PDB file of N, CA and C in Angstrom:
ATOM      1  N   MET A   1     211.322  73.390 137.379  1.00  0.00           N
ATOM      2  CA  MET A   1     210.643  74.270 136.449  1.00  0.00           C
ATOM      3  C   MET A   1     209.819  73.422 135.477  1.00  0.00           C
ATOM      4  N   GLU A   2     208.718  73.964 135.057  1.00  0.00           N
ATOM      5  CA  GLU A   2     207.778  73.245 134.197  1.00  0.00           C
ATOM      6  C   GLU A   2     208.082  73.503 132.726  1.00  0.00           C
ATOM      7  N   ALA A   3     207.770  72.536 131.879  1.00  0.00           N
ATOM      8  CA  ALA A   3     207.990  72.678 130.440  1.00  0.00           C
ATOM      9  C   ALA A   3     207.008  73.694 129.871  1.00  0.00           C
ATOM     10  N   TYR A   4     207.476  74.487 128.918  1.00  0.00           N
ATOM     11  CA  TYR A   4     206.622  75.468 128.259  1.00  0.00           C
ATOM     12  C   TYR A   4     207.097  75.658 126.829  1.00  0.00           C
ATOM     13  N   ALA A   5     206.252  76.334 126.050  1.00  0.00           N
ATOM     14  CA  ALA A   5     206.587  76.625 124.658  1.00  0.00           C
ATOM     15  C   ALA A   5     205.984  77.978 124.293  1.00  0.00           C
ATOM     16  N   VAL A   6     206.625  78.645 123.338  1.00  0.00           N
ATOM     17  CA  VAL A   6     206.081  79.873 122.772  1.00  0.00           C
ATOM     18  C   VAL A   6     205.577  79.511 121.385  1.00  0.00           C
ATOM     19  N   LEU A   7     204.270  79.638 121.209  1.00  0.00           N
ATOM     20  CA  LEU A   7     203.577  79.186 120.005  1.00  0.00           C
ATOM     21  C   LEU A   7     203.150  80.394 119.184  1.00  0.00           C
ATOM     22  N   GLU A   8     203.363  80.337 117.867  1.00  0.00           N
ATOM     23  CA  GLU A   8     202.910  81.419 116.999  1.00  0.00           C
ATOM     24  C   GLU A   8     201.758  80.927 116.137  1.00  0.00           C
ATOM     25  N   THR A   9     200.633  81.607 116.239  1.00  0.00           N
ATOM     26  CA  THR A   9     199.477  81.294 115.409  1.00  0.00           C
ATOM     27  C   THR A   9     198.621  82.546 115.274  1.00  0.00           C
ATOM     28  N   GLY A  10     198.128  82.771 114.081  1.00  0.00           N
ATOM     29  CA  GLY A  10     197.300  83.942 113.839  1.00  0.00           C
ATOM     30  C   GLY A  10     198.056  85.251 113.928  1.00  0.00           C
ATOM     31  N   GLY A  11     199.381  85.211 113.714  1.00  0.00           N
ATOM     32  CA  GLY A  11     200.170  86.428 113.788  1.00  0.00           C
ATOM     33  C   GLY A  11     200.501  86.865 115.201  1.00  0.00           C
ATOM     34  N   LYS A  12     200.168  86.029 116.188  1.00  0.00           N
ATOM     35  CA  LYS A  12     200.432  86.369 117.586  1.00  0.00           C
ATOM     36  C   LYS A  12     201.224  85.239 118.236  1.00  0.00           C
ATOM     37  N   GLN A  13     202.019  85.584 119.234  1.00  0.00           N
ATOM     38  CA  GLN A  13     202.788  84.586 119.969  1.00  0.00           C
ATOM     39  C   GLN A  13     202.166  84.387 121.342  1.00  0.00           C
ATOM     40  N   THR A  14     202.084  83.116 121.779  1.00  0.00           N
ATOM     41  CA  THR A  14     201.445  82.779 123.035  1.00  0.00           C
ATOM     42  C   THR A  14     202.335  81.823 123.819  1.00  0.00           C
ATOM     43  N   LEU A  15     202.527  82.104 125.099  1.00  0.00           N
ATOM     44  CA  LEU A  15     203.266  81.220 125.990  1.00  0.00           C
ATOM     45  C   LEU A  15     202.291  80.171 126.523  1.00  0.00           C
ATOM     46  N   VAL A  16     202.586  78.880 126.312  1.00  0.00           N
ATOM     47  CA  VAL A  16     201.674  77.815 126.725  1.00  0.00           C
ATOM     48  C   VAL A  16     202.407  76.770 127.556  1.00  0.00           C
ATOM     49  N   ARG A  17     201.656  76.147 128.465  1.00  0.00           N
ATOM     50  CA  ARG A  17     202.119  75.009 129.250  1.00  0.00           C
ATOM     51  C   ARG A  17     201.099  73.891 129.089  1.00  0.00           C
ATOM     52  N   VAL A  18     201.469  72.673 129.414  1.00  0.00           N
ATOM     53  CA  VAL A  18     200.546  71.548 129.302  1.00  0.00           C
ATOM     54  C   VAL A  18     199.380  71.771 130.263  1.00  0.00           C
ATOM     55  N   GLY A  19     198.155  71.626 129.738  1.00  0.00           N
ATOM     56  CA  GLY A  19     196.952  71.806 130.547  1.00  0.00           C
ATOM     57  C   GLY A  19     196.335  73.186 130.442  1.00  0.00           C
ATOM     58  N   ASP A  20     197.018  74.138 129.804  1.00  0.00           N
ATOM     59  CA  ASP A  20     196.482  75.493 129.660  1.00  0.00           C
ATOM     60  C   ASP A  20     195.324  75.519 128.665  1.00  0.00           C
ATOM     61  N   LYS A  21     194.321  76.357 128.960  1.00  0.00           N
ATOM     62  CA  LYS A  21     193.251  76.635 128.001  1.00  0.00           C
ATOM     63  C   LYS A  21     193.610  77.943 127.323  1.00  0.00           C
ATOM     64  N   ILE A  22     193.647  77.939 125.993  1.00  0.00           N
ATOM     65  CA  ILE A  22     194.024  79.136 125.261  1.00  0.00           C
ATOM     66  C   ILE A  22     192.950  79.488 124.245  1.00  0.00           C
ATOM     67  N   GLU A  23     192.892  80.771 123.889  1.00  0.00           N
ATOM     68  CA  GLU A  23     192.007  81.260 122.843  1.00  0.00           C
ATOM     69  C   GLU A  23     192.894  81.823 121.746  1.00  0.00           C
ATOM     70  N   ILE A  24     192.807  81.216 120.560  1.00  0.00           N
ATOM     71  CA  ILE A  24     193.645  81.638 119.439  1.00  0.00           C
ATOM     72  C   ILE A  24     192.748  81.937 118.243  1.00  0.00           C
ATOM     73  N   GLU A  25     193.339  82.497 117.197  1.00  0.00           N
ATOM     74  CA  GLU A  25     192.599  82.764 115.970  1.00  0.00           C
ATOM     75  C   GLU A  25     191.970  81.470 115.472  1.00  0.00           C
ATOM     76  N   LYS A  26     190.834  81.579 114.813  1.00  0.00           N
ATOM     77  CA  LYS A  26     190.071  80.398 114.412  1.00  0.00           C
ATOM     78  C   LYS A  26     190.881  79.475 113.502  1.00  0.00           C
ATOM     79  N   LEU A  27     190.877  78.190 113.879  1.00  0.00           N
ATOM     80  CA  LEU A  27     191.513  77.151 113.077  1.00  0.00           C
ATOM     81  C   LEU A  27     190.433  76.362 112.350  1.00  0.00           C
ATOM     82  N   SER A  28     190.781  75.764 111.226  1.00  0.00           N
ATOM     83  CA  SER A  28     189.818  74.979 110.459  1.00  0.00           C
ATOM     84  C   SER A  28     189.816  73.527 110.939  1.00  0.00           C
ATOM     85  N   VAL A  29     189.547  73.334 112.228  1.00  0.00           N
ATOM     86  CA  VAL A  29     189.492  72.006 112.845  1.00  0.00           C
ATOM     87  C   VAL A  29     188.172  71.927 113.614  1.00  0.00           C
ATOM     88  N   GLU A  30     187.499  70.795 113.517  1.00  0.00           N
ATOM     89  CA  GLU A  30     186.221  70.607 114.202  1.00  0.00           C
ATOM     90  C   GLU A  30     186.443  70.428 115.713  1.00  0.00           C
ATOM     91  N   PRO A  31     185.493  70.882 116.535  1.00  0.00           N
ATOM     92  CA  PRO A  31     185.589  70.651 117.982  1.00  0.00           C
ATOM     93  C   PRO A  31     185.616  69.159 118.298  1.00  0.00           C
ATOM     94  N   GLY A  32     186.428  68.779 119.281  1.00  0.00           N
ATOM     95  CA  GLY A  32     186.582  67.384 119.655  1.00  0.00           C
ATOM     96  C   GLY A  32     187.783  66.714 119.010  1.00  0.00           C
ATOM     97  N   GLN A  33     188.342  67.339 117.969  1.00  0.00           N
ATOM     98  CA  GLN A  33     189.513  66.775 117.308  1.00  0.00           C
ATOM     99  C   GLN A  33     190.784  67.361 117.905  1.00  0.00           C
ATOM    100  N   GLU A  34     191.905  66.820 117.490  1.00  0.00           N
ATOM    101  CA  GLU A  34     193.197  67.340 117.923  1.00  0.00           C
ATOM    102  C   GLU A  34     193.892  68.015 116.759  1.00  0.00           C
ATOM    103  N   SER A  35     194.718  68.999 117.082  1.00  0.00           N
ATOM    104  CA  SER A  35     195.481  69.723 116.077  1.00  0.00           C
ATOM    105  C   SER A  35     196.933  69.785 116.542  1.00  0.00           C
ATOM    106  N   VAL A  36     197.854  69.581 115.600  1.00  0.00           N
ATOM    107  CA  VAL A  36     199.283  69.647 115.913  1.00  0.00           C
ATOM    108  C   VAL A  36     199.858  70.862 115.200  1.00  0.00           C
ATOM    109  N   LEU A  37     200.430  71.791 115.972  1.00  0.00           N
ATOM    110  CA  LEU A  37     201.030  72.996 115.419  1.00  0.00           C
ATOM    111  C   LEU A  37     202.539  72.907 115.527  1.00  0.00           C
ATOM    112  N   ASP A  38     203.241  73.221 114.433  1.00  0.00           N
ATOM    113  CA  ASP A  38     204.701  73.147 114.439  1.00  0.00           C
ATOM    114  C   ASP A  38     205.354  74.520 114.360  1.00  0.00           C
ATOM    115  N   THR A  39     204.563  75.578 114.487  1.00  0.00           N
ATOM    116  CA  THR A  39     205.119  76.939 114.482  1.00  0.00           C
ATOM    117  C   THR A  39     205.488  77.327 115.913  1.00  0.00           C
ATOM    118  N   VAL A  40     206.508  76.650 116.440  1.00  0.00           N
ATOM    119  CA  VAL A  40     206.966  76.856 117.815  1.00  0.00           C
ATOM    120  C   VAL A  40     208.219  77.720 117.775  1.00  0.00           C
ATOM    121  N   CYS A  41     208.169  78.900 118.385  1.00  0.00           N
ATOM    122  CA  CYS A  41     209.306  79.827 118.372  1.00  0.00           C
ATOM    123  C   CYS A  41     210.358  79.463 119.415  1.00  0.00           C
ATOM    124  N   ALA A  42     209.915  78.932 120.548  1.00  0.00           N
ATOM    125  CA  ALA A  42     210.842  78.542 121.612  1.00  0.00           C
ATOM    126  C   ALA A  42     210.206  77.408 122.399  1.00  0.00           C
ATOM    127  N   VAL A  43     211.047  76.516 122.913  1.00  0.00           N
ATOM    128  CA  VAL A  43     210.551  75.401 123.709  1.00  0.00           C
ATOM    129  C   VAL A  43     211.544  75.110 124.836  1.00  0.00           C
ATOM    130  N   SER A  44     210.995  74.828 126.021  1.00  0.00           N
ATOM    131  CA  SER A  44     211.824  74.512 127.173  1.00  0.00           C
ATOM    132  C   SER A  44     211.283  73.246 127.827  1.00  0.00           C
ATOM    133  N   ASP A  45     212.199  72.356 128.230  1.00  0.00           N
ATOM    134  CA  ASP A  45     211.784  71.136 128.921  1.00  0.00           C
ATOM    135  C   ASP A  45     211.881  71.298 130.435  1.00  0.00           C
ATOM    136  N   GLY A  46     212.132  72.478 130.896  1.00  0.00           N
ATOM    137  CA  GLY A  46     212.261  72.732 132.325  1.00  0.00           C
ATOM    138  C   GLY A  46     213.688  73.040 132.728  1.00  0.00           C
ATOM    139  N   THR A  47     214.669  72.581 131.944  1.00  0.00           N
ATOM    140  CA  THR A  47     216.072  72.852 132.259  1.00  0.00           C
ATOM    141  C   THR A  47     216.770  73.596 131.130  1.00  0.00           C
ATOM    142  N   THR A  48     216.492  73.196 129.882  1.00  0.00           N
ATOM    143  CA  THR A  48     217.152  73.847 128.750  1.00  0.00           C
ATOM    144  C   THR A  48     216.125  74.546 127.872  1.00  0.00           C
ATOM    145  N   LEU A  49     216.555  75.612 127.228  1.00  0.00           N
ATOM    146  CA  LEU A  49     215.697  76.401 126.355  1.00  0.00           C
ATOM    147  C   LEU A  49     216.245  76.355 124.939  1.00  0.00           C
ATOM    148  N   LYS A  50     215.381  76.026 123.983  1.00  0.00           N
ATOM    149  CA  LYS A  50     215.753  76.064 122.567  1.00  0.00           C
ATOM    150  C   LYS A  50     214.966  77.193 121.913  1.00  0.00           C
ATOM    151  N   VAL A  51     215.678  78.078 121.238  1.00  0.00           N
ATOM    152  CA  VAL A  51     215.048  79.194 120.552  1.00  0.00           C
ATOM    153  C   VAL A  51     215.264  79.017 119.063  1.00  0.00           C
ATOM    154  N   GLY A  52     214.200  79.139 118.292  1.00  0.00           N
ATOM    155  CA  GLY A  52     214.274  78.942 116.851  1.00  0.00           C
ATOM    156  C   GLY A  52     214.544  80.230 116.110  1.00  0.00           C
ATOM    157  N   ALA A  53     214.899  80.078 114.850  1.00  0.00           N
ATOM    158  CA  ALA A  53     215.131  81.237 113.987  1.00  0.00           C
ATOM    159  C   ALA A  53     214.496  80.969 112.638  1.00  0.00           C
ATOM    160  N   PRO A  54     213.227  81.130 112.394  1.00  0.00           N
ATOM    161  CA  PRO A  54     212.211  81.634 113.324  1.00  0.00           C
ATOM    162  C   PRO A  54     211.539  80.538 114.158  1.00  0.00           C
ATOM    163  N   TYR A  55     211.594  79.259 113.724  1.00  0.00           N
ATOM    164  CA  TYR A  55     210.924  78.191 114.456  1.00  0.00           C
ATOM    165  C   TYR A  55     211.921  77.117 114.856  1.00  0.00           C
ATOM    166  N   VAL A  56     211.612  76.400 115.942  1.00  0.00           N
ATOM    167  CA  VAL A  56     212.439  75.297 116.415  1.00  0.00           C
ATOM    168  C   VAL A  56     212.119  74.067 115.569  1.00  0.00           C
ATOM    169  N   GLU A  57     213.152  73.455 114.998  1.00  0.00           N
ATOM    170  CA  GLU A  57     212.953  72.271 114.158  1.00  0.00           C
ATOM    171  C   GLU A  57     212.544  71.080 115.014  1.00  0.00           C
ATOM    172  N   GLY A  58     211.497  70.381 114.570  1.00  0.00           N
ATOM    173  CA  GLY A  58     211.043  69.182 115.259  1.00  0.00           C
ATOM    174  C   GLY A  58     210.160  69.432 116.461  1.00  0.00           C
ATOM    175  N   ALA A  59     209.965  70.675 116.856  1.00  0.00           N
ATOM    176  CA  ALA A  59     209.118  70.983 118.012  1.00  0.00           C
ATOM    177  C   ALA A  59     207.659  71.052 117.576  1.00  0.00           C
ATOM    178  N   LYS A  60     206.782  70.446 118.384  1.00  0.00           N
ATOM    179  CA  LYS A  60     205.360  70.422 118.076  1.00  0.00           C
ATOM    180  C   LYS A  60     204.555  70.618 119.346  1.00  0.00           C
ATOM    181  N   VAL A  61     203.392  71.248 119.198  1.00  0.00           N
ATOM    182  CA  VAL A  61     202.450  71.414 120.300  1.00  0.00           C
ATOM    183  C   VAL A  61     201.136  70.783 119.866  1.00  0.00           C
ATOM    184  N   THR A  62     200.610  69.869 120.696  1.00  0.00           N
ATOM    185  CA  THR A  62     199.352  69.200 120.400  1.00  0.00           C
ATOM    186  C   THR A  62     198.229  69.877 121.172  1.00  0.00           C
ATOM    187  N   LEU A  63     197.179  70.264 120.442  1.00  0.00           N
ATOM    188  CA  LEU A  63     196.038  70.951 121.040  1.00  0.00           C
ATOM    189  C   LEU A  63     194.789  70.096 120.885  1.00  0.00           C
ATOM    190  N   ALA A  64     193.962  70.049 121.921  1.00  0.00           N
ATOM    191  CA  ALA A  64     192.630  69.446 121.842  1.00  0.00           C
ATOM    192  C   ALA A  64     191.646  70.596 121.662  1.00  0.00           C
ATOM    193  N   ILE A  65     190.901  70.589 120.563  1.00  0.00           N
ATOM    194  CA  ILE A  65     189.997  71.689 120.253  1.00  0.00           C
ATOM    195  C   ILE A  65     188.709  71.522 121.056  1.00  0.00           C
ATOM    196  N   ASP A  66     188.392  72.529 121.885  1.00  0.00           N
ATOM    197  CA  ASP A  66     187.202  72.479 122.731  1.00  0.00           C
ATOM    198  C   ASP A  66     185.990  73.100 122.056  1.00  0.00           C
ATOM    199  N   GLY A  67     186.191  74.110 121.228  1.00  0.00           N
ATOM    200  CA  GLY A  67     185.062  74.759 120.569  1.00  0.00           C
ATOM    201  C   GLY A  67     185.473  76.072 119.931  1.00  0.00           C
ATOM    202  N   VAL A  68     184.458  76.788 119.451  1.00  0.00           N
ATOM    203  CA  VAL A  68     184.663  78.080 118.805  1.00  0.00           C
ATOM    204  C   VAL A  68     183.796  79.100 119.526  1.00  0.00           C
ATOM    205  N   LYS A  69     184.330  80.295 119.751  1.00  0.00           N
ATOM    206  CA  LYS A  69     183.551  81.353 120.379  1.00  0.00           C
ATOM    207  C   LYS A  69     183.858  82.681 119.706  1.00  0.00           C
ATOM    208  N   ARG A  70     183.076  83.671 120.023  1.00  0.00           N
ATOM    209  CA  ARG A  70     183.268  85.000 119.465  1.00  0.00           C
ATOM    210  C   ARG A  70     184.039  85.856 120.465  1.00  0.00           C
ATOM    211  N   GLY A  71     184.982  86.618 119.967  1.00  0.00           N
ATOM    212  CA  GLY A  71     185.764  87.500 120.813  1.00  0.00           C
ATOM    213  C   GLY A  71     184.993  88.771 121.145  1.00  0.00           C
ATOM    214  N   PRO A  72     185.615  89.667 121.869  1.00  0.00           N
ATOM    215  CA  PRO A  72     184.942  90.921 122.219  1.00  0.00           C
ATOM    216  C   PRO A  72     184.775  91.819 120.996  1.00  0.00           C
ATOM    217  N   LYS A  73     183.764  92.678 121.036  1.00  0.00           N
ATOM    218  CA  LYS A  73     183.514  93.586 119.924  1.00  0.00           C
ATOM    219  C   LYS A  73     184.518  94.727 119.976  1.00  0.00           C
ATOM    220  N   VAL A  74     185.128  94.991 118.831  1.00  0.00           N
ATOM    221  CA  VAL A  74     186.083  96.083 118.702  1.00  0.00           C
ATOM    222  C   VAL A  74     185.419  97.141 117.829  1.00  0.00           C
ATOM    223  N   ILE A  75     185.401  98.377 118.310  1.00  0.00           N
ATOM    224  CA  ILE A  75     184.764  99.477 117.589  1.00  0.00           C
ATOM    225  C   ILE A  75     185.835 100.345 116.943  1.00  0.00           C
ATOM    226  N   ASN A  76     185.677 100.597 115.639  1.00  0.00           N
ATOM    227  CA  ASN A  76     186.550 101.508 114.914  1.00  0.00           C
ATOM    228  C   ASN A  76     185.711 102.735 114.576  1.00  0.00           C
ATOM    229  N   PHE A  77     186.033 103.876 115.175  1.00  0.00           N
ATOM    230  CA  PHE A  77     185.267 105.098 114.970  1.00  0.00           C
ATOM    231  C   PHE A  77     186.195 106.185 114.446  1.00  0.00           C
ATOM    232  N   LYS A  78     185.813 106.779 113.328  1.00  0.00           N
ATOM    233  CA  LYS A  78     186.584 107.887 112.763  1.00  0.00           C
ATOM    234  C   LYS A  78     185.648 109.065 112.556  1.00  0.00           C
ATOM    235  N   ALA A  79     186.144 110.251 112.853  1.00  0.00           N
ATOM    236  CA  ALA A  79     185.360 111.471 112.632  1.00  0.00           C
ATOM    237  C   ALA A  79     186.296 112.582 112.179  1.00  0.00           C
ATOM    238  N   LYS A  80     185.809 113.399 111.265  1.00  0.00           N
ATOM    239  CA  LYS A  80     186.566 114.577 110.851  1.00  0.00           C
ATOM    240  C   LYS A  80     185.910 115.794 111.489  1.00  0.00           C
ATOM    241  N   ARG A  81     186.676 116.556 112.169  1.00  0.00           N
ATOM    242  CA  ARG A  81     186.113 117.669 112.915  1.00  0.00           C
ATOM    243  C   ARG A  81     185.553 118.746 111.981  1.00  0.00           C
ATOM    244  N   ARG A  82     184.463 119.306 112.409  1.00  0.00           N
ATOM    245  CA  ARG A  82     183.773 120.413 111.736  1.00  0.00           C
ATOM    246  C   ARG A  82     183.242 120.039 110.354  1.00  0.00           C
ATOM    247  N   LYS A  83     183.210 118.776 109.984  1.00  0.00           N
ATOM    248  CA  LYS A  83     182.749 118.375 108.651  1.00  0.00           C
ATOM    249  C   LYS A  83     181.462 117.547 108.706  1.00  0.00           C
ATOM    250  N   GLY A  84     181.100 117.059 109.869  1.00  0.00           N
ATOM    251  CA  GLY A  84     179.923 116.197 109.984  1.00  0.00           C
ATOM    252  C   GLY A  84     180.179 114.794 109.447  1.00  0.00           C
ATOM    253  N   SER A  85     181.428 114.442 109.196  1.00  0.00           N
ATOM    254  CA  SER A  85     181.792 113.139 108.655  1.00  0.00           C
ATOM    255  C   SER A  85     182.108 112.188 109.802  1.00  0.00           C
ATOM    256  N   ARG A  86     181.342 111.095 109.873  1.00  0.00           N
ATOM    257  CA  ARG A  86     181.549 110.106 110.922  1.00  0.00           C
ATOM    258  C   ARG A  86     181.476 108.715 110.311  1.00  0.00           C
ATOM    259  N   ARG A  87     182.286 107.809 110.845  1.00  0.00           N
ATOM    260  CA  ARG A  87     182.298 106.430 110.357  1.00  0.00           C
ATOM    261  C   ARG A  87     182.482 105.504 111.555  1.00  0.00           C
ATOM    262  N   LYS A  88     181.586 104.543 111.717  1.00  0.00           N
ATOM    263  CA  LYS A  88     181.667 103.602 112.829  1.00  0.00           C
ATOM    264  C   LYS A  88     181.518 102.182 112.290  1.00  0.00           C
ATOM    265  N   VAL A  89     182.502 101.340 112.566  1.00  0.00           N
ATOM    266  CA  VAL A  89     182.497  99.952 112.124  1.00  0.00           C
ATOM    267  C   VAL A  89     182.814  99.075 113.328  1.00  0.00           C
ATOM    268  N   GLY A  90     182.037  98.011 113.527  1.00  0.00           N
ATOM    269  CA  GLY A  90     182.297  97.059 114.597  1.00  0.00           C
ATOM    270  C   GLY A  90     182.793  95.744 114.019  1.00  0.00           C
ATOM    271  N   HIS A  91     183.578  95.012 114.823  1.00  0.00           N
ATOM    272  CA  HIS A  91     184.132  93.728 114.376  1.00  0.00           C
ATOM    273  C   HIS A  91     184.229  92.793 115.566  1.00  0.00           C
ATOM    274  N   ARG A  92     183.849  91.521 115.349  1.00  0.00           N
ATOM    275  CA  ARG A  92     184.045  90.475 116.352  1.00  0.00           C
ATOM    276  C   ARG A  92     184.778  89.322 115.691  1.00  0.00           C
ATOM    277  N   GLN A  93     185.917  88.959 116.244  1.00  0.00           N
ATOM    278  CA  GLN A  93     186.761  87.901 115.691  1.00  0.00           C
ATOM    279  C   GLN A  93     186.297  86.544 116.206  1.00  0.00           C
ATOM    280  N   ASP A  94     186.292  85.532 115.334  1.00  0.00           N
ATOM    281  CA  ASP A  94     186.033  84.160 115.760  1.00  0.00           C
ATOM    282  C   ASP A  94     187.301  83.594 116.385  1.00  0.00           C
ATOM    283  N   LEU A  95     187.154  82.961 117.551  1.00  0.00           N
ATOM    284  CA  LEU A  95     188.296  82.397 118.274  1.00  0.00           C
ATOM    285  C   LEU A  95     188.091  80.898 118.475  1.00  0.00           C
ATOM    286  N   THR A  96     189.177  80.154 118.460  1.00  0.00           N
ATOM    287  CA  THR A  96     189.157  78.731 118.772  1.00  0.00           C
ATOM    288  C   THR A  96     189.627  78.564 120.208  1.00  0.00           C
ATOM    289  N   VAL A  97     188.848  77.846 120.999  1.00  0.00           N
ATOM    290  CA  VAL A  97     189.216  77.547 122.380  1.00  0.00           C
ATOM    291  C   VAL A  97     189.843  76.160 122.382  1.00  0.00           C
ATOM    292  N   ALA A  98     191.065  76.058 122.906  1.00  0.00           N
ATOM    293  CA  ALA A  98     191.798  74.794 122.856  1.00  0.00           C
ATOM    294  C   ALA A  98     192.524  74.554 124.183  1.00  0.00           C
ATOM    295  N   THR A  99     192.787  73.283 124.444  1.00  0.00           N
ATOM    296  CA  THR A  99     193.546  72.874 125.630  1.00  0.00           C
ATOM    297  C   THR A  99     194.855  72.255 125.146  1.00  0.00           C
ATOM    298  N   VAL A 100     195.971  72.649 125.751  1.00  0.00           N
ATOM    299  CA  VAL A 100     197.281  72.125 125.365  1.00  0.00           C
ATOM    300  C   VAL A 100     197.438  70.730 125.965  1.00  0.00           C
ATOM    301  N   LYS A 101     197.620  69.732 125.096  1.00  0.00           N
ATOM    302  CA  LYS A 101     197.769  68.344 125.544  1.00  0.00           C
ATOM    303  C   LYS A 101     199.218  67.946 125.739  1.00  0.00           C
ATOM    304  N   ALA A 102     200.093  68.329 124.792  1.00  0.00           N
ATOM    305  CA  ALA A 102     201.484  67.889 124.864  1.00  0.00           C
ATOM    306  C   ALA A 102     202.396  68.900 124.180  1.00  0.00           C
ATOM    307  N   ILE A 103     203.609  68.969 124.687  1.00  0.00           N
ATOM    308  CA  ILE A 103     204.669  69.780 124.076  1.00  0.00           C
ATOM    309  C   ILE A 103     205.818  68.836 123.785  1.00  0.00           C
ATOM    310  N   ALA A 104     206.215  68.774 122.513  1.00  0.00           N
ATOM    311  CA  ALA A 104     207.307  67.868 122.127  1.00  0.00           C
ATOM    312  C   ALA A 104     208.339  68.598 121.304  1.00  0.00           C
TER     313      ALA A 104
END
């Protein structure tokens, strides 16, 4: 079995393995640099699983930042029937594209 980790960032949890390309909430790191995240909820070395409460102590995931991109457009539309009241708001989230280098 391959090593994996459950990483929490941006209020979301993501299952990652070494070599995976992931899209997460925008981090304040320049493309080409590395980022080390210690908000690891669970980590497995292939045989044993450690689960944190809420995070595993000493566990770290190293990410190589590839760039920043825009996510899909999300439309929020509200209307009140028979009133002619309509409201439409669009939103696109900035995402960081990263490659998982190491799980420790």
